[in-house]
Amino acid sequence: MHFQVICMMNVGVLALQGGVREHMDAVLLASKKAKIQVSLRSVRTAGQLDGLDALLIPGGESTTLSKLLVQNSMMEKIKSIPALFGTCAGLILMAKEVEGAEEGQRFLHLMDVKVSRNAYGSQLSSFEANLSTEEFGRIHAVFIRAPKIIAVGEGAEVLAAHNEQPVIAVQKNTRQLLLGCTFHPELTTTKVHEYFLRQVARMKECHYFSE
């Protein structure tokens, strides 16, 4: 009798706003490149969060996104998911501290970073840049009404920067993995998604099947 190790990860993409299709395409391609099996679904309701190993939170408008999460009773459930990857507005929602938050706006308060909303300016101030990173190599990054990470606490680590400003950060502990980007990697590369899937795979226990 032979035994094979199979790890299937249940991954969701929050589908309330932003580049949902782009993130889903990036996850599928990243899973092939990383040779990690993924069961992927779009998430629009609290019930669809059940059983997820990881959730991606796309960009969009953070105020609207937080209202939708509250209306759909999704905030507390998201907090319990083992791994979260937020881009742009997704990162804002994950941050423990947000500069420029609107009155009454709610956040997940999970990641040990301070973020400034729309810090680079309006839509007209959006820009692209080439990043040279130790973790990911060269990345072409698209910043659209991007936030800035203006402080990083002891619990988080900077993985990439632009003009000495952190643009990718990660936080790992025994309970949860948190990855945040100020730009939109789903538009240009799968490298960040591959990194996320590999980190989740390390956290997840594998199941052994006989054949």
Protein backbone atom coordinates (compact mmCIF):
# COMPACT_ATOMS: atom_id res chain seq x y z
CA MET A 1 0.00 0.00 0.00
CA HIS A 2 1.29 3.44 -0.91
CA PHE A 3 0.50 6.71 0.81
CA GLN A 4 0.31 10.10 -0.86
CA VAL A 5 0.27 13.47 0.88
CA ILE A 6 -2.43 15.73 -0.52
CA CYS A 7 -3.06 19.26 0.70
CA MET A 8 -6.20 20.95 -0.58
CA MET A 9 -6.59 24.58 0.49
CA ASN A 10 -9.98 26.26 0.59
CA VAL A 11 -9.43 29.82 -0.61
CA GLY A 12 -11.98 32.60 -1.00
CA VAL A 13 -11.94 36.00 -2.68
CA LEU A 14 -14.22 38.58 -1.10
CA ALA A 15 -16.53 39.56 -3.95
CA LEU A 16 -18.20 42.72 -2.66
CA GLN A 17 -15.95 45.23 -4.46
CA GLY A 18 -12.75 45.59 -6.45
CA GLY A 19 -10.78 43.33 -8.77
CA VAL A 20 -12.43 40.05 -7.83
CA ARG A 21 -11.92 38.30 -11.19
CA GLU A 22 -8.30 39.49 -11.38
CA HIS A 23 -7.56 38.05 -7.93
CA MET A 24 -9.28 34.78 -8.73
CA ASP A 25 -7.29 34.42 -11.96
CA ALA A 26 -4.08 35.25 -10.07
CA VAL A 27 -4.82 32.63 -7.39
CA LEU A 28 -5.49 29.92 -9.96
CA LEU A 29 -2.31 30.69 -11.91
CA ALA A 30 -0.28 31.01 -8.71
CA SER A 31 -1.55 27.63 -7.48
CA LYS A 32 -0.34 25.99 -10.70
CA LYS A 33 3.07 27.65 -10.47
CA ALA A 34 3.45 26.76 -6.79
CA LYS A 35 1.99 23.26 -7.34
CA ILE A 36 -0.54 23.76 -4.57
CA GLN A 37 -4.08 22.41 -4.91
CA VAL A 38 -6.71 25.08 -4.31
CA SER A 39 -10.47 24.99 -4.07
CA LEU A 40 -11.40 28.57 -4.93
CA ARG A 41 -14.67 30.42 -4.44
CA SER A 42 -15.98 33.96 -4.54
CA VAL A 43 -17.44 35.11 -1.21
CA ARG A 44 -20.50 37.35 -0.95
CA THR A 45 -22.19 36.11 2.22
CA ALA A 46 -21.19 35.21 5.77
CA GLY A 47 -22.04 31.57 5.13
CA GLN A 48 -19.56 31.37 2.28
CA LEU A 49 -16.75 32.17 4.75
CA ASP A 50 -17.25 28.84 6.50
CA GLY A 51 -14.41 26.36 6.06
CA LEU A 52 -11.96 28.77 4.44
CA ASP A 53 -8.24 28.37 5.05
CA ALA A 54 -7.54 31.74 3.45
CA LEU A 55 -9.38 34.84 2.22
CA LEU A 56 -8.24 37.56 -0.17
CA ILE A 57 -9.71 41.03 0.33
CA PRO A 58 -9.42 43.09 -2.89
CA GLY A 59 -9.15 46.84 -3.22
CA GLY A 60 -12.09 49.19 -3.63
CA GLU A 61 -13.41 51.93 -1.37
CA SER A 62 -12.66 51.06 2.24
CA THR A 63 -15.61 52.97 3.72
CA THR A 64 -18.13 51.23 1.47
CA LEU A 65 -16.44 47.88 1.95
CA SER A 66 -16.55 48.12 5.74
CA LYS A 67 -20.26 49.04 5.63
CA LEU A 68 -21.00 46.04 3.42
CA LEU A 69 -19.13 43.72 5.77
CA VAL A 70 -21.10 45.02 8.75
CA GLN A 71 -24.42 44.79 6.89
CA ASN A 72 -23.68 41.20 5.91
CA SER A 73 -22.47 40.21 9.41
CA MET A 74 -19.07 39.18 8.05
CA MET A 75 -16.60 41.11 10.23
CA GLU A 76 -16.25 38.64 13.10
CA LYS A 77 -16.14 35.60 10.84
CA ILE A 78 -13.34 37.12 8.75
CA LYS A 79 -11.30 37.71 11.91
CA SER A 80 -11.28 33.96 12.60
CA ILE A 81 -9.97 32.88 9.16
CA PRO A 82 -6.41 31.48 9.46
CA ALA A 83 -4.91 33.56 6.63
CA LEU A 84 -5.86 36.93 5.12
CA PHE A 85 -4.36 38.78 2.15
CA GLY A 86 -5.53 42.37 1.69
CA THR A 87 -4.66 44.71 -1.17
CA CYS A 88 -5.23 48.49 -1.03
CA ALA A 89 -8.62 48.84 0.73
CA GLY A 90 -8.20 45.27 1.99
CA LEU A 91 -5.02 46.29 3.78
CA ILE A 92 -6.78 49.32 5.27
CA LEU A 93 -9.47 47.06 6.72
CA MET A 94 -6.85 44.75 8.25
CA ALA A 95 -4.72 47.47 9.87
CA LYS A 96 -4.79 48.03 13.63
CA GLU A 97 -4.60 51.80 13.13
CA VAL A 98 -5.94 53.90 10.25
CA GLU A 99 -5.16 57.57 9.68
CA GLY A 100 -7.94 59.48 7.91
CA ALA A 101 -10.70 57.04 8.79
CA GLU A 102 -14.24 58.33 8.44
CA GLU A 103 -16.38 58.69 11.55
CA GLY A 104 -18.00 55.39 12.46
CA GLN A 105 -15.92 53.39 9.99
CA ARG A 106 -15.13 49.90 11.27
CA PHE A 107 -12.03 47.82 10.72
CA LEU A 108 -10.78 44.31 11.45
CA HIS A 109 -7.92 45.70 13.62
CA LEU A 110 -5.68 42.67 13.06
CA MET A 111 -2.39 43.69 11.46
CA ASP A 112 0.28 45.54 13.43
CA VAL A 113 0.62 48.45 10.99
CA LYS A 114 -0.61 52.04 10.78
CA VAL A 115 -2.07 52.96 7.39
CA SER A 116 -2.98 56.32 5.88
CA ARG A 117 -5.99 56.21 3.54
CA ASN A 118 -5.58 57.63 0.00
CA ALA A 119 -2.17 58.92 1.06
CA TYR A 120 -0.86 59.19 -2.50
CA GLY A 121 -3.77 61.38 -3.56
CA SER A 122 -6.79 61.05 -5.85
CA GLN A 123 -7.36 58.74 -8.82
CA LEU A 124 -5.37 61.21 -10.94
CA SER A 125 -2.35 60.60 -8.72
CA SER A 126 -2.30 56.87 -9.44
CA PHE A 127 1.04 55.62 -10.74
CA GLU A 128 3.15 52.58 -11.62
CA ALA A 129 6.62 51.65 -10.36
CA ASN A 130 9.17 48.85 -10.64
CA LEU A 131 10.07 47.28 -7.30
CA SER A 132 13.27 45.34 -6.66
CA THR A 133 12.70 43.03 -3.70
CA GLU A 134 14.64 40.30 -1.96
CA GLU A 135 11.57 38.11 -1.45
CA PHE A 136 9.87 38.45 -4.85
CA GLY A 137 12.57 39.69 -7.21
CA ARG A 138 11.46 42.39 -9.64
CA ILE A 139 7.78 43.40 -9.55
CA HIS A 140 5.89 45.95 -11.63
CA ALA A 141 3.44 47.58 -9.21
CA VAL A 142 0.27 49.56 -9.93
CA PHE A 143 -0.81 52.05 -7.24
CA ILE A 144 -4.44 53.22 -7.57
CA ARG A 145 -5.61 55.70 -4.91
CA ALA A 146 -3.20 53.76 -2.76
CA PRO A 147 -2.81 53.92 1.01
CA LYS A 148 0.58 54.24 2.70
CA ILE A 149 1.97 52.09 5.47
CA ILE A 150 3.29 54.83 7.73
CA ALA A 151 4.30 52.68 10.72
CA VAL A 152 5.10 49.01 11.22
CA GLY A 153 4.83 47.44 14.67
CA GLU A 154 6.96 44.68 16.15
CA GLY A 155 4.53 42.01 15.01
CA ALA A 156 4.85 42.79 11.31
CA GLU A 157 7.70 42.59 8.79
CA VAL A 158 8.28 44.67 5.65
CA LEU A 159 8.77 42.55 2.52
CA ALA A 160 8.99 45.33 -0.09
CA ALA A 161 9.33 49.11 -0.25
CA HIS A 162 9.12 51.92 -2.78
CA ASN A 163 11.21 55.04 -2.12
CA GLU A 164 11.82 53.66 1.39
CA GLN A 165 8.05 53.47 1.98
CA PRO A 166 6.76 49.98 2.91
CA VAL A 167 4.41 48.59 0.26
CA ILE A 168 4.16 44.91 1.28
CA ALA A 169 4.07 43.68 4.87
CA VAL A 170 3.45 40.33 6.51
CA GLN A 171 2.54 39.26 10.01
CA LYS A 172 2.86 35.65 11.14
CA ASN A 173 2.02 34.00 14.42
CA THR A 174 0.75 30.62 15.56
CA ARG A 175 -2.87 31.71 15.10
CA GLN A 176 -2.97 33.69 11.88
CA LEU A 177 -1.10 34.83 8.76
CA LEU A 178 -1.72 38.39 7.54
CA LEU A 179 -0.34 39.76 4.25
CA GLY A 180 -0.98 43.31 3.04
CA CYS A 181 -0.13 45.25 -0.14
CA THR A 182 -0.65 48.95 -0.78
CA PHE A 183 -0.70 48.31 -4.56
CA HIS A 184 -2.54 45.84 -6.83
CA PRO A 185 -0.34 42.79 -7.53
CA GLU A 186 -3.23 40.96 -9.20
CA LEU A 187 -2.85 43.30 -12.21
CA THR A 188 0.75 42.49 -13.06
CA THR A 189 2.17 39.44 -11.27
CA THR A 190 1.38 36.20 -9.45
CA LYS A 191 4.52 36.32 -7.27
CA VAL A 192 2.77 37.75 -4.21
CA HIS A 193 -0.12 35.31 -4.54
CA GLU A 194 2.36 32.42 -4.83
CA TYR A 195 4.08 33.58 -1.66
CA PHE A 196 0.72 33.76 0.14
CA LEU A 197 -0.32 30.26 -0.94
CA ARG A 198 3.03 28.79 0.12
CA GLN A 199 2.77 30.42 3.53
CA VAL A 200 -0.77 29.10 3.98
CA ALA A 201 0.36 25.61 2.89
CA ARG A 202 2.99 25.64 5.65
CA MET A 203 0.32 26.50 8.22
CA LYS A 204 -2.19 23.89 7.05
CA GLU A 205 -2.04 20.27 8.14
CA CYS A 206 -1.94 17.75 5.31
CA HIS A 207 -4.14 14.66 5.08
CA TYR A 208 -2.81 11.22 4.13
CA PHE A 209 -4.70 9.07 1.66
CA SER A 210 -3.96 5.44 0.73
CA GLU A 211 -3.94 4.37 -2.90
